[in-house]
Amino acid sequence: MNASRGLTALSMREVDRVLKLWTQTVAAPILSSFLFIAVFGLSLGGRIQQIDGVDYEVFIVPGLIIMGMIQAAYANNSATVFQARFDRYLNDVLSAPMKGWEVNLALCMGGVVRALLIGGGLLIASVLVVDVPVHEPLVLVLAVALALTLFASFGVVVGVYAKSWDHTAFIQNIVILPLSFLGGVFYSVDLLPSPWEEVSHVNPIFYLVQAVRYGFLGTSDVSPVLALGVIAALAAGSVAWSSWLFATGRKLKP
């Protein structure tokens, strides 16, 4: 019972941090991602017109939505865990009567809620300017759930290992952001010449974009089963890693 209350209290604290700073944590990412739709979609849509039979301004929406969500889940959790370590607040949490998986889950909740708010807000904003369908809702829900599981837990892992704020920002700016742009958000990788088409299939975010795009539009560059399988494997590995850190106390105990 005490552990259950601890899980709820810590989860509420993480969510409250997101909501208190909603202009920075939610509104700003929605605005920046929506500008991509307005600038790239509406300006280039007249030239590119369609990809795979889908209007270009609609084609880019699924990738932009999931890109904003995974970046938010990672950034929130890596920052909150590093801050908790820096302020020694995490030591108090670890001394509470909570299991390691409960601490891990609670610390992930802020990033998950932030990502869902951004995804929902961006979808609403997109619908106001383009007609975005949802052809495969079950695939979409599963893809989003796996994506948030992957990047929320990965954010926790980075927050545990990071020795400075620069380390958390480095992963965001040098790894996640470039892989997102090269993952087929703005184009179909089938249009790329060899060997770039093959290289794109090594990018894990490529499969994430394809799964979400299939959920929205019913079309993708690879099988949705393969895309979901790759994401699920990566998510399982990331959760196992973060759970192991809290189970063993590695990098956490002073």
Protein backbone atom coordinates (compact mmCIF):
# COMPACT_ATOMS: atom_id res chain seq x y z
CA MET A 1 0.00 0.00 0.00
CA ASN A 2 2.78 2.43 0.89
CA ALA A 3 4.60 1.53 -2.31
CA SER A 4 1.42 2.12 -4.31
CA ARG A 5 1.00 5.55 -2.72
CA GLY A 6 4.63 6.29 -3.47
CA LEU A 7 4.19 5.37 -7.12
CA THR A 8 1.13 7.61 -7.38
CA ALA A 9 2.74 10.52 -5.56
CA LEU A 10 5.95 10.43 -7.60
CA SER A 11 4.00 10.09 -10.86
CA MET A 12 1.82 13.07 -9.94
CA ARG A 13 4.91 15.11 -9.11
CA GLU A 14 6.42 14.43 -12.53
CA VAL A 15 3.17 15.26 -14.32
CA ASP A 16 2.74 18.41 -12.23
CA ARG A 17 6.20 19.61 -13.33
CA VAL A 18 5.08 19.36 -16.94
CA LEU A 19 1.76 21.12 -16.39
CA LYS A 20 3.18 23.99 -14.36
CA LEU A 21 5.48 24.96 -17.23
CA TRP A 22 3.00 24.11 -20.00
CA THR A 23 3.98 27.07 -22.17
CA GLN A 24 7.51 25.69 -22.44
CA THR A 25 6.85 21.96 -22.18
CA VAL A 26 3.74 21.68 -24.36
CA ALA A 27 2.79 24.87 -26.23
CA ALA A 28 6.25 25.68 -27.63
CA PRO A 29 6.86 22.20 -29.17
CA ILE A 30 3.38 22.22 -30.71
CA LEU A 31 4.04 25.62 -32.29
CA SER A 32 7.47 24.67 -33.64
CA SER A 33 6.23 21.39 -35.15
CA PHE A 34 3.16 23.08 -36.62
CA LEU A 35 5.44 25.58 -38.35
CA PHE A 36 7.07 22.66 -40.18
CA ILE A 37 3.64 21.67 -41.50
CA ALA A 38 2.86 25.22 -42.53
CA VAL A 39 6.25 25.98 -44.09
CA PHE A 40 7.11 22.62 -45.70
CA GLY A 41 3.64 21.27 -46.33
CA LEU A 42 1.81 24.30 -47.60
CA SER A 43 4.76 25.86 -49.43
CA LEU A 44 6.18 22.68 -51.02
CA GLY A 45 2.84 20.93 -51.41
CA GLY A 46 2.17 22.76 -54.65
CA ARG A 47 5.44 21.50 -56.15
CA ILE A 48 5.70 17.99 -54.75
CA GLN A 49 1.92 17.46 -54.72
CA GLN A 50 1.72 13.76 -53.81
CA ILE A 51 3.84 10.92 -52.41
CA ASP A 52 2.43 7.39 -52.59
CA GLY A 53 -0.90 8.86 -53.64
CA VAL A 54 -1.10 11.13 -50.56
CA ASP A 55 -1.01 14.92 -50.65
CA TYR A 56 2.38 16.11 -49.44
CA GLU A 57 1.02 18.35 -46.68
CA VAL A 58 -0.83 15.30 -45.30
CA PHE A 59 2.10 12.92 -45.87
CA ILE A 60 4.43 14.80 -43.50
CA VAL A 61 1.96 15.17 -40.61
CA PRO A 62 2.37 11.66 -39.04
CA GLY A 63 6.16 11.92 -39.00
CA LEU A 64 6.13 15.41 -37.52
CA ILE A 65 3.68 14.38 -34.81
CA ILE A 66 5.69 11.36 -33.68
CA MET A 67 8.96 13.29 -34.00
CA GLY A 68 7.67 15.93 -31.58
CA MET A 69 6.39 13.27 -29.20
CA ILE A 70 9.57 11.20 -28.96
CA GLN A 71 11.76 14.26 -28.55
CA ALA A 72 9.52 15.48 -25.72
CA ALA A 73 9.49 12.10 -23.96
CA TYR A 74 13.27 11.84 -24.12
CA ALA A 75 14.03 15.46 -23.23
CA ASN A 76 11.65 15.54 -20.27
CA ASN A 77 12.84 12.32 -18.67
CA SER A 78 16.55 12.80 -19.25
CA ALA A 79 16.30 16.29 -17.72
CA THR A 80 14.16 15.31 -14.74
CA VAL A 81 16.35 12.31 -13.81
CA PHE A 82 19.58 14.27 -14.17
CA GLN A 83 18.12 17.14 -12.11
CA ALA A 84 17.01 14.68 -9.44
CA ARG A 85 20.54 13.28 -9.27
CA PHE A 86 22.13 16.73 -9.30
CA ASP A 87 19.91 17.96 -6.44
CA ARG A 88 20.31 14.67 -4.53
CA TYR A 89 16.52 14.44 -4.56
CA LEU A 90 16.73 11.00 -6.15
CA ASN A 91 18.48 9.65 -3.04
CA ASP A 92 15.34 10.38 -1.00
CA VAL A 93 13.18 8.64 -3.60
CA LEU A 94 15.40 5.55 -3.60
CA SER A 95 15.21 5.33 0.18
CA ALA A 96 11.41 5.25 0.06
CA PRO A 97 9.59 1.89 0.34
CA MET A 98 9.23 1.56 -3.44
CA LYS A 99 10.45 -1.13 -5.78
CA GLY A 100 12.92 -0.19 -8.49
CA TRP A 101 10.39 -0.69 -11.29
CA GLU A 102 7.94 1.62 -9.52
CA VAL A 103 10.50 4.42 -9.32
CA ASN A 104 11.40 3.82 -12.96
CA LEU A 105 7.75 3.89 -14.06
CA ALA A 106 6.92 7.00 -12.04
CA LEU A 107 9.88 8.93 -13.44
CA CYS A 108 8.74 8.03 -16.96
CA MET A 109 5.21 9.35 -16.49
CA GLY A 110 6.04 13.03 -16.91
CA GLY A 111 7.59 12.48 -20.31
CA VAL A 112 4.72 10.24 -21.44
CA VAL A 113 2.06 12.76 -20.44
CA ARG A 114 4.02 15.62 -22.03
CA ALA A 115 4.39 13.67 -25.27
CA LEU A 116 0.68 12.78 -25.38
CA LEU A 117 -0.33 16.41 -24.83
CA ILE A 118 2.00 17.52 -27.62
CA GLY A 119 0.79 14.80 -29.98
CA GLY A 120 -2.86 15.56 -29.30
CA GLY A 121 -2.37 19.30 -29.60
CA LEU A 122 -0.41 18.97 -32.82
CA LEU A 123 -3.03 16.67 -34.33
CA ILE A 124 -5.78 19.16 -33.52
CA ALA A 125 -3.75 22.02 -34.99
CA SER A 126 -3.00 19.97 -38.12
CA VAL A 127 -6.65 19.06 -38.69
CA LEU A 128 -7.43 22.77 -38.88
CA VAL A 129 -5.33 23.16 -42.06
CA VAL A 130 -5.14 19.68 -43.65
CA ASP A 131 -7.39 16.63 -43.78
CA VAL A 132 -5.53 13.97 -41.78
CA PRO A 133 -7.18 10.52 -41.86
CA VAL A 134 -6.69 7.64 -39.42
CA HIS A 135 -6.91 4.42 -41.45
CA GLU A 136 -5.51 1.95 -38.89
CA PRO A 137 -6.24 3.20 -35.34
CA LEU A 138 -5.03 0.02 -33.61
CA VAL A 139 -1.68 0.15 -35.39
CA LEU A 140 -1.41 3.85 -34.56
CA VAL A 141 -2.12 3.34 -30.85
CA LEU A 142 0.35 0.46 -30.63
CA ALA A 143 3.06 2.39 -32.50
CA VAL A 144 2.67 5.44 -30.26
CA ALA A 145 2.67 3.31 -27.10
CA LEU A 146 5.87 1.53 -28.13
CA ALA A 147 7.50 4.79 -29.19
CA LEU A 148 6.80 6.49 -25.87
CA THR A 149 7.93 3.41 -23.96
CA LEU A 150 11.19 3.41 -25.90
CA PHE A 151 12.07 7.09 -25.61
CA ALA A 152 10.70 7.66 -22.10
CA SER A 153 12.83 4.83 -20.70
CA PHE A 154 15.80 5.83 -22.86
CA GLY A 155 15.54 9.35 -21.41
CA VAL A 156 15.74 7.84 -17.93
CA VAL A 157 18.84 5.85 -18.91
CA VAL A 158 20.60 8.94 -20.28
CA GLY A 159 19.59 10.95 -17.23
CA VAL A 160 21.21 8.32 -15.01
CA TYR A 161 24.48 8.21 -16.94
CA ALA A 162 24.78 11.91 -17.80
CA LYS A 163 27.48 13.88 -15.99
CA SER A 164 26.32 17.31 -17.19
CA TRP A 165 23.43 19.01 -18.98
CA ASP A 166 25.56 18.93 -22.13
CA HIS A 167 25.40 15.14 -22.20
CA THR A 168 21.59 15.06 -22.26
CA ALA A 169 21.51 17.78 -24.94
CA PHE A 170 24.17 15.99 -26.98
CA ILE A 171 22.01 12.89 -27.42
CA GLN A 172 19.02 15.06 -28.31
CA ASN A 173 20.78 17.29 -30.84
CA ILE A 174 23.40 14.97 -32.31
CA VAL A 175 21.59 11.62 -32.28
CA ILE A 176 17.79 11.82 -32.00
CA LEU A 177 17.16 14.97 -34.04
CA PRO A 178 19.31 14.01 -37.07
CA LEU A 179 17.95 10.46 -37.09
CA SER A 180 14.42 11.91 -37.00
CA PHE A 181 15.03 14.12 -40.04
CA LEU A 182 16.72 11.21 -41.87
CA GLY A 183 13.95 8.78 -40.92
CA GLY A 184 11.60 9.66 -43.76
CA VAL A 185 9.57 12.38 -42.05
CA PHE A 186 9.64 14.64 -45.11
CA TYR A 187 10.07 12.07 -47.87
CA SER A 188 9.61 8.44 -48.85
CA VAL A 189 12.86 6.50 -48.64
CA ASP A 190 11.73 4.54 -51.72
CA LEU A 191 12.59 7.67 -53.70
CA LEU A 192 16.21 7.61 -52.53
CA PRO A 193 18.93 6.14 -54.76
CA SER A 194 21.07 3.22 -53.63
CA PRO A 195 22.86 2.97 -51.20
CA TRP A 196 20.96 5.69 -49.29
CA GLU A 197 17.71 3.75 -49.40
CA GLU A 198 19.41 0.75 -47.79
CA VAL A 199 21.20 2.94 -45.24
CA SER A 200 17.86 4.45 -44.18
CA HIS A 201 16.71 1.00 -43.07
CA VAL A 202 19.44 0.96 -40.43
CA ASN A 203 17.90 4.03 -38.78
CA PRO A 204 15.60 2.86 -35.93
CA ILE A 205 13.47 6.01 -36.12
CA PHE A 206 12.70 5.13 -39.76
CA TYR A 207 10.62 2.17 -38.54
CA LEU A 208 8.87 4.34 -35.99
CA VAL A 209 7.87 6.90 -38.62
CA GLN A 210 6.67 4.16 -40.96
CA ALA A 211 4.51 2.49 -38.31
CA VAL A 212 2.85 5.77 -37.33
CA ARG A 213 2.39 6.79 -40.97
CA TYR A 214 0.71 3.46 -41.68
CA GLY A 215 -1.63 4.04 -38.75
CA PHE A 216 -2.63 7.43 -40.11
CA LEU A 217 -2.49 6.98 -43.87
CA GLY A 218 -2.56 3.23 -44.46
CA THR A 219 0.71 3.42 -46.42
CA SER A 220 4.37 2.93 -45.50
CA ASP A 221 7.74 2.06 -47.02
CA VAL A 222 8.02 -1.21 -45.07
CA SER A 223 5.62 -3.77 -43.63
CA PRO A 224 3.89 -2.40 -40.50
CA VAL A 225 4.50 -5.76 -38.83
CA LEU A 226 8.24 -5.38 -39.37
CA ALA A 227 8.17 -1.77 -38.22
CA LEU A 228 6.26 -2.60 -35.04
CA GLY A 229 8.54 -5.57 -34.38
CA VAL A 230 11.68 -3.44 -34.57
CA ILE A 231 10.19 -0.78 -32.29
CA ALA A 232 8.99 -3.39 -29.80
CA ALA A 233 12.44 -4.99 -29.63
CA LEU A 234 14.11 -1.63 -29.05
CA ALA A 235 11.52 -0.65 -26.45
CA ALA A 236 12.00 -3.93 -24.59
CA GLY A 237 15.76 -3.41 -24.53
CA SER A 238 15.44 0.17 -23.31
CA VAL A 239 12.99 -0.77 -20.53
CA ALA A 240 15.19 -3.67 -19.48
CA TRP A 241 18.20 -1.32 -19.29
CA SER A 242 16.45 1.33 -17.22
CA SER A 243 14.88 -1.31 -14.96
CA TRP A 244 18.28 -2.92 -14.41
CA LEU A 245 19.72 0.43 -13.34
CA PHE A 246 17.10 0.86 -10.64
CA ALA A 247 17.18 -2.79 -9.60
CA THR A 248 20.95 -2.73 -9.06
CA GLY A 249 21.33 0.92 -8.05
CA ARG A 250 24.14 1.29 -10.56
CA LYS A 251 25.08 4.96 -11.08
CA LEU A 252 22.29 5.88 -8.66
CA LYS A 253 23.56 5.15 -5.18
CA PRO A 254 26.12 7.61 -3.76
